[in-house]
Structure formats: C-alpha cells, structure tokens
C-alpha cells in the first residue's frame, strides 16, 4: 500500500502563491503517475493536473499558465506550484497516485486546505 501526505496549504491573498507538496511512502514500486485534484465547497472533486513517470504533464485550462505540477522521483514527491491565485482556486487539494501496473488502483492523501481571500 502507498501512503500520501500533503503539505503547503494555507491562507493567501489574491495574486499570491503557494507550493503544495505530497510525499509518498510504502509500496513505492507501485507508484505510477501522480496528480492533484481539488474540491471546492459545494462542488464535486475536480481534476487539476497530472504528471507521468517520464515528466510529461497535463493541466486543466482553468490553471494553465498559473499552476505547474512536477515530481521528484528520488524523493517520491509530487509538487503543485500555484501562482496568481484567485478566490476561485479556494478548495481542499488532494494528492492522488495511480498504481504503476493497474491504473484502476488509486491512492489518495487526506487533503490540504487552500484559501484565497482578501
């Protein structure tokens, strides 16, 4: 089993920046792609960005040019650099890791709160 621990959330002013981290431990041979999702109040969980083992990335249009996902395979850690934050970015951000062999097997962190407000 893989365990995920997120950190880096907090309260920030509009236009500010935060860097989220998610460290994986456990059955590390099972780690495939890594991703960030978010869930705003009253809304369903939303995919934000994914990074594959080879470093290729995908970001949703709402965050392109502002957020950047990356990973450090040596540290088994995925990051989300968030710049130019907007109130609409307020949500609980969740780290997700897919099983290397079976993408149907997913691991989730407990989430970290990001609040963008003046």
N, C-alpha and C. Protein backbone atom coordinates (compact mmCIF):
# COMPACT_ATOMS: atom_id res chain seq x y z
N UNK A 1 0.83 -1.18 0.00
CA UNK A 1 0.00 0.00 0.00
C UNK A 1 0.88 1.25 0.00
N UNK A 2 0.36 2.33 -0.59
CA UNK A 2 1.05 3.60 -0.66
C UNK A 2 0.32 4.60 0.23
N UNK A 3 1.08 5.34 1.02
CA UNK A 3 0.53 6.40 1.86
C UNK A 3 0.99 7.75 1.33
N UNK A 4 0.08 8.73 1.32
CA UNK A 4 0.37 10.05 0.78
C UNK A 4 0.09 11.11 1.84
N UNK A 5 1.00 12.06 2.00
CA UNK A 5 0.85 13.14 2.96
C UNK A 5 1.08 14.46 2.25
N UNK A 6 0.04 15.30 2.21
CA UNK A 6 0.13 16.61 1.58
C UNK A 6 0.55 17.67 2.59
N UNK A 7 1.16 18.73 2.09
CA UNK A 7 1.51 19.87 2.91
C UNK A 7 1.61 21.10 2.03
N UNK A 8 1.62 22.27 2.65
CA UNK A 8 1.83 23.52 1.93
C UNK A 8 0.61 24.39 1.75
N UNK A 9 -0.55 23.91 2.15
CA UNK A 9 -1.75 24.72 2.02
C UNK A 9 -1.77 25.85 3.04
N UNK A 10 -2.74 26.75 2.87
CA UNK A 10 -2.86 27.86 3.78
C UNK A 10 -3.74 28.95 3.23
N UNK A 11 -3.71 30.09 3.90
CA UNK A 11 -4.47 31.28 3.51
C UNK A 11 -3.55 32.23 2.77
N UNK A 12 -3.99 32.69 1.61
CA UNK A 12 -3.18 33.58 0.79
C UNK A 12 -4.06 34.64 0.14
N UNK A 13 -3.49 35.81 -0.10
CA UNK A 13 -4.21 36.89 -0.78
C UNK A 13 -4.34 36.60 -2.27
N UNK A 14 -5.38 37.13 -2.91
CA UNK A 14 -5.45 37.01 -4.37
C UNK A 14 -4.18 37.52 -5.03
N UNK A 15 -3.71 36.79 -6.03
CA UNK A 15 -2.46 37.12 -6.68
C UNK A 15 -1.24 36.50 -6.05
N UNK A 16 -1.40 35.89 -4.89
CA UNK A 16 -0.29 35.28 -4.20
C UNK A 16 0.04 33.90 -4.72
N UNK A 17 1.00 33.25 -4.04
CA UNK A 17 1.50 31.95 -4.46
C UNK A 17 1.57 30.98 -3.30
N UNK A 18 1.43 29.71 -3.62
CA UNK A 18 1.63 28.62 -2.68
C UNK A 18 2.27 27.47 -3.43
N UNK A 19 3.01 26.65 -2.70
CA UNK A 19 3.60 25.44 -3.27
C UNK A 19 3.18 24.25 -2.42
N UNK A 20 2.39 23.36 -3.01
CA UNK A 20 1.94 22.16 -2.34
C UNK A 20 2.92 21.02 -2.58
N UNK A 21 3.08 20.18 -1.57
CA UNK A 21 3.92 19.00 -1.68
C UNK A 21 3.13 17.78 -1.25
N UNK A 22 3.46 16.65 -1.82
CA UNK A 22 2.84 15.38 -1.46
C UNK A 22 3.91 14.31 -1.49
N UNK A 23 4.22 13.77 -0.33
CA UNK A 23 5.26 12.75 -0.21
C UNK A 23 4.63 11.37 -0.09
N UNK A 24 5.13 10.44 -0.87
CA UNK A 24 4.62 9.07 -0.89
C UNK A 24 5.56 8.14 -0.13
N UNK A 25 4.97 7.18 0.54
CA UNK A 25 5.74 6.15 1.22
C UNK A 25 4.97 4.84 1.15
N UNK A 26 5.64 3.75 1.49
CA UNK A 26 5.02 2.44 1.46
C UNK A 26 5.54 1.61 0.31
N UNK A 27 4.62 1.04 -0.46
CA UNK A 27 4.98 0.18 -1.58
C UNK A 27 5.34 1.03 -2.78
N UNK A 28 6.54 1.59 -2.77
CA UNK A 28 6.91 2.59 -3.75
C UNK A 28 7.06 2.03 -5.16
N UNK A 29 7.24 0.72 -5.27
CA UNK A 29 7.31 0.12 -6.60
C UNK A 29 6.00 0.27 -7.34
N UNK A 30 4.92 0.55 -6.62
CA UNK A 30 3.60 0.67 -7.21
C UNK A 30 3.30 2.05 -7.77
N UNK A 31 4.18 3.02 -7.58
CA UNK A 31 3.90 4.40 -7.97
C UNK A 31 3.97 4.56 -9.48
N UNK A 32 2.87 5.03 -10.05
CA UNK A 32 2.81 5.38 -11.46
C UNK A 32 2.72 6.89 -11.59
N UNK A 33 1.70 7.36 -12.31
CA UNK A 33 1.52 8.80 -12.44
C UNK A 33 1.03 9.39 -11.12
N UNK A 34 1.26 10.70 -10.95
CA UNK A 34 0.86 11.42 -9.76
C UNK A 34 0.06 12.63 -10.19
N UNK A 35 -0.93 13.01 -9.38
CA UNK A 35 -1.85 14.06 -9.78
C UNK A 35 -2.33 14.87 -8.59
N UNK A 36 -2.91 16.02 -8.91
CA UNK A 36 -3.59 16.86 -7.94
C UNK A 36 -5.04 17.02 -8.35
N UNK A 37 -5.93 16.89 -7.39
CA UNK A 37 -7.34 17.18 -7.55
C UNK A 37 -7.72 18.23 -6.51
N UNK A 38 -8.88 18.84 -6.68
CA UNK A 38 -9.37 19.78 -5.69
C UNK A 38 -10.87 19.69 -5.58
N UNK A 39 -11.37 20.07 -4.42
CA UNK A 39 -12.81 20.08 -4.17
C UNK A 39 -13.18 21.37 -3.47
N UNK A 40 -13.91 22.22 -4.17
CA UNK A 40 -14.39 23.47 -3.62
C UNK A 40 -15.67 23.23 -2.85
N UNK A 41 -16.03 24.14 -1.93
CA UNK A 41 -17.26 23.97 -1.16
C UNK A 41 -18.47 23.82 -2.06
N UNK A 42 -19.27 22.79 -1.81
CA UNK A 42 -20.48 22.56 -2.56
C UNK A 42 -20.29 22.00 -3.95
N UNK A 43 -19.07 21.63 -4.33
CA UNK A 43 -18.80 21.12 -5.66
C UNK A 43 -18.16 19.74 -5.59
N UNK A 44 -18.21 19.04 -6.71
CA UNK A 44 -17.56 17.74 -6.80
C UNK A 44 -16.06 17.89 -6.93
N UNK A 45 -15.36 16.83 -6.61
CA UNK A 45 -13.91 16.82 -6.76
C UNK A 45 -13.54 16.99 -8.23
N UNK A 46 -12.55 17.83 -8.49
CA UNK A 46 -12.16 18.21 -9.83
C UNK A 46 -10.69 17.89 -10.08
N UNK A 47 -10.40 17.29 -11.22
CA UNK A 47 -9.03 17.06 -11.63
C UNK A 47 -8.35 18.39 -11.93
N UNK A 48 -7.09 18.52 -11.51
CA UNK A 48 -6.33 19.75 -11.74
C UNK A 48 -5.14 19.51 -12.67
N UNK A 49 -4.30 18.55 -12.35
CA UNK A 49 -3.10 18.31 -13.14
C UNK A 49 -2.54 16.93 -12.85
N UNK A 50 -1.81 16.38 -13.83
CA UNK A 50 -1.18 15.08 -13.67
C UNK A 50 0.21 15.12 -14.26
N UNK A 51 1.12 14.40 -13.64
CA UNK A 51 2.47 14.23 -14.15
C UNK A 51 2.79 12.75 -14.21
N UNK A 52 3.29 12.29 -15.36
CA UNK A 52 3.64 10.89 -15.55
C UNK A 52 5.08 10.64 -15.14
N UNK A 53 5.45 9.37 -15.17
CA UNK A 53 6.78 8.99 -14.71
C UNK A 53 7.89 9.62 -15.54
N UNK A 54 7.62 9.87 -16.81
CA UNK A 54 8.62 10.46 -17.68
C UNK A 54 8.65 11.98 -17.62
N UNK A 55 7.82 12.57 -16.75
CA UNK A 55 7.81 14.01 -16.58
C UNK A 55 6.79 14.75 -17.42
N UNK A 56 6.11 14.08 -18.31
CA UNK A 56 5.06 14.72 -19.10
C UNK A 56 3.93 15.16 -18.18
N UNK A 57 3.30 16.29 -18.50
CA UNK A 57 2.27 16.86 -17.64
C UNK A 57 1.02 17.21 -18.42
N UNK A 58 -0.06 17.34 -17.68
CA UNK A 58 -1.32 17.81 -18.21
C UNK A 58 -1.98 18.68 -17.15
N UNK A 59 -2.46 19.86 -17.56
CA UNK A 59 -3.14 20.79 -16.67
C UNK A 59 -4.48 21.18 -17.29
N UNK A 60 -5.49 21.35 -16.45
CA UNK A 60 -6.77 21.82 -16.96
C UNK A 60 -6.64 23.28 -17.37
N UNK A 61 -7.52 23.70 -18.27
CA UNK A 61 -7.45 25.06 -18.80
C UNK A 61 -7.53 26.12 -17.71
N UNK A 62 -8.31 25.86 -16.67
CA UNK A 62 -8.52 26.86 -15.63
C UNK A 62 -7.24 27.23 -14.90
N UNK A 63 -6.22 26.37 -14.93
CA UNK A 63 -4.99 26.65 -14.20
C UNK A 63 -3.78 26.79 -15.09
N UNK A 64 -3.92 26.58 -16.39
CA UNK A 64 -2.78 26.68 -17.30
C UNK A 64 -2.18 28.08 -17.25
N UNK A 65 -0.86 28.12 -17.17
CA UNK A 65 -0.16 29.39 -17.07
C UNK A 65 -0.02 29.89 -15.66
N UNK A 66 -0.74 29.29 -14.70
CA UNK A 66 -0.66 29.70 -13.31
C UNK A 66 -0.12 28.60 -12.40
N UNK A 67 -0.55 27.36 -12.64
CA UNK A 67 -0.13 26.22 -11.83
C UNK A 67 0.84 25.37 -12.62
N UNK A 68 1.78 24.75 -11.92
CA UNK A 68 2.72 23.84 -12.54
C UNK A 68 2.90 22.62 -11.66
N UNK A 69 2.62 21.44 -12.20
CA UNK A 69 2.84 20.20 -11.48
C UNK A 69 4.22 19.66 -11.85
N UNK A 70 4.89 19.07 -10.88
CA UNK A 70 6.19 18.46 -11.11
C UNK A 70 6.39 17.33 -10.11
N UNK A 71 7.43 16.52 -10.33
CA UNK A 71 7.71 15.42 -9.41
C UNK A 71 9.20 15.22 -9.26
N UNK A 72 9.58 14.71 -8.12
CA UNK A 72 10.94 14.33 -7.83
C UNK A 72 10.91 12.84 -7.52
N UNK A 73 11.29 12.03 -8.48
CA UNK A 73 11.19 10.58 -8.32
C UNK A 73 12.11 10.06 -7.22
N UNK A 74 13.25 10.70 -7.02
CA UNK A 74 14.17 10.28 -5.97
C UNK A 74 13.56 10.47 -4.59
N UNK A 75 12.69 11.47 -4.44
CA UNK A 75 12.04 11.74 -3.17
C UNK A 75 10.61 11.22 -3.12
N UNK A 76 10.15 10.61 -4.20
CA UNK A 76 8.77 10.12 -4.28
C UNK A 76 7.78 11.21 -3.88
N UNK A 77 7.97 12.38 -4.44
CA UNK A 77 7.19 13.55 -4.08
C UNK A 77 6.67 14.25 -5.33
N UNK A 78 5.43 14.70 -5.26
CA UNK A 78 4.84 15.50 -6.32
C UNK A 78 4.54 16.88 -5.76
N UNK A 79 4.70 17.91 -6.60
CA UNK A 79 4.51 19.29 -6.19
C UNK A 79 3.46 19.96 -7.07
N UNK A 80 2.85 20.99 -6.53
CA UNK A 80 1.99 21.86 -7.31
C UNK A 80 2.35 23.29 -6.96
N UNK A 81 3.04 23.97 -7.87
CA UNK A 81 3.35 25.38 -7.71
C UNK A 81 2.16 26.18 -8.21
N UNK A 82 1.59 27.00 -7.34
CA UNK A 82 0.39 27.76 -7.66
C UNK A 82 0.72 29.24 -7.58
N UNK A 83 0.64 29.92 -8.71
CA UNK A 83 0.88 31.36 -8.79
C UNK A 83 -0.39 32.07 -9.23
N UNK A 84 -0.41 33.37 -9.02
CA UNK A 84 -1.56 34.20 -9.41
C UNK A 84 -2.87 33.60 -8.93
N UNK A 85 -2.89 33.23 -7.67
CA UNK A 85 -4.06 32.56 -7.12
C UNK A 85 -5.28 33.47 -7.11
N UNK A 86 -6.42 32.86 -7.35
CA UNK A 86 -7.69 33.56 -7.41
C UNK A 86 -8.64 32.97 -6.37
N UNK A 87 -9.65 33.74 -5.94
CA UNK A 87 -10.61 33.19 -4.99
C UNK A 87 -11.25 31.89 -5.47
N UNK A 88 -11.41 31.74 -6.78
CA UNK A 88 -11.99 30.54 -7.35
C UNK A 88 -11.11 29.30 -7.16
N UNK A 89 -9.86 29.50 -6.78
CA UNK A 89 -8.97 28.38 -6.51
C UNK A 89 -9.16 27.82 -5.11
N UNK A 90 -9.95 28.47 -4.29
CA UNK A 90 -10.18 28.01 -2.93
C UNK A 90 -10.80 26.62 -2.93
N UNK A 91 -10.15 25.68 -2.26
CA UNK A 91 -10.60 24.30 -2.25
C UNK A 91 -9.69 23.49 -1.34
N UNK A 92 -10.11 22.27 -1.07
CA UNK A 92 -9.21 21.28 -0.48
C UNK A 92 -8.51 20.58 -1.64
N UNK A 93 -7.19 20.57 -1.60
CA UNK A 93 -6.39 19.97 -2.66
C UNK A 93 -5.92 18.59 -2.22
N UNK A 94 -6.14 17.61 -3.08
CA UNK A 94 -5.82 16.22 -2.78
C UNK A 94 -4.76 15.70 -3.73
N UNK A 95 -3.81 15.00 -3.17
CA UNK A 95 -2.81 14.28 -3.95
C UNK A 95 -3.34 12.90 -4.31
N UNK A 96 -3.07 12.46 -5.53
CA UNK A 96 -3.50 11.15 -5.99
C UNK A 96 -2.36 10.47 -6.74
N UNK A 97 -2.20 9.18 -6.49
CA UNK A 97 -1.19 8.38 -7.18
C UNK A 97 -1.86 7.15 -7.76
N UNK A 98 -1.56 6.86 -9.00
CA UNK A 98 -2.05 5.65 -9.64
C UNK A 98 -1.06 4.52 -9.47
N UNK A 99 -1.59 3.31 -9.38
CA UNK A 99 -0.74 2.13 -9.37
C UNK A 99 0.02 2.05 -10.68
N UNK A 100 1.27 1.65 -10.60
CA UNK A 100 2.13 1.61 -11.78
C UNK A 100 1.61 0.64 -12.83
N UNK A 101 1.04 -0.47 -12.39
CA UNK A 101 0.61 -1.51 -13.30
C UNK A 101 -0.87 -1.39 -13.65
N UNK A 102 -1.70 -1.13 -12.66
CA UNK A 102 -3.15 -1.08 -12.83
C UNK A 102 -3.64 0.32 -12.48
N UNK A 103 -4.04 1.09 -13.47
CA UNK A 103 -4.47 2.47 -13.23
C UNK A 103 -5.79 2.54 -12.49
N UNK A 104 -6.48 1.42 -12.36
CA UNK A 104 -7.72 1.40 -11.60
C UNK A 104 -7.46 1.45 -10.10
N UNK A 105 -6.25 1.16 -9.69
CA UNK A 105 -5.88 1.21 -8.28
C UNK A 105 -5.30 2.59 -7.99
N UNK A 106 -5.93 3.32 -7.10
CA UNK A 106 -5.55 4.69 -6.79
C UNK A 106 -5.29 4.86 -5.30
N UNK A 107 -4.39 5.76 -4.97
CA UNK A 107 -4.08 6.12 -3.60
C UNK A 107 -4.34 7.61 -3.43
N UNK A 108 -4.90 7.99 -2.28
CA UNK A 108 -5.29 9.37 -2.03
C UNK A 108 -4.73 9.88 -0.72
N UNK A 109 -4.32 11.15 -0.71
CA UNK A 109 -3.96 11.81 0.52
C UNK A 109 -5.19 12.34 1.23
N UNK A 110 -4.98 12.92 2.41
CA UNK A 110 -6.08 13.44 3.21
C UNK A 110 -6.51 14.84 2.81
N UNK A 111 -5.71 15.52 2.02
CA UNK A 111 -6.06 16.85 1.55
C UNK A 111 -5.42 17.95 2.35
N UNK A 112 -5.22 19.09 1.69
CA UNK A 112 -4.71 20.28 2.35
C UNK A 112 -5.53 21.48 1.87
N UNK A 113 -5.93 22.32 2.81
CA UNK A 113 -6.83 23.44 2.51
C UNK A 113 -6.05 24.60 1.90
N UNK A 114 -6.57 25.11 0.79
CA UNK A 114 -6.06 26.33 0.17
C UNK A 114 -7.19 27.35 0.16
N UNK A 115 -6.97 28.49 0.80
CA UNK A 115 -7.97 29.54 0.86
C UNK A 115 -7.38 30.81 0.28
N UNK A 116 -8.02 31.35 -0.75
CA UNK A 116 -7.57 32.58 -1.40
C UNK A 116 -8.60 33.65 -1.10
N UNK A 117 -8.23 34.61 -0.28
CA UNK A 117 -9.18 35.63 0.17
C UNK A 117 -8.43 36.86 0.65
N UNK A 118 -9.06 38.01 0.47
CA UNK A 118 -8.53 39.26 0.98
C UNK A 118 -9.15 39.61 2.32
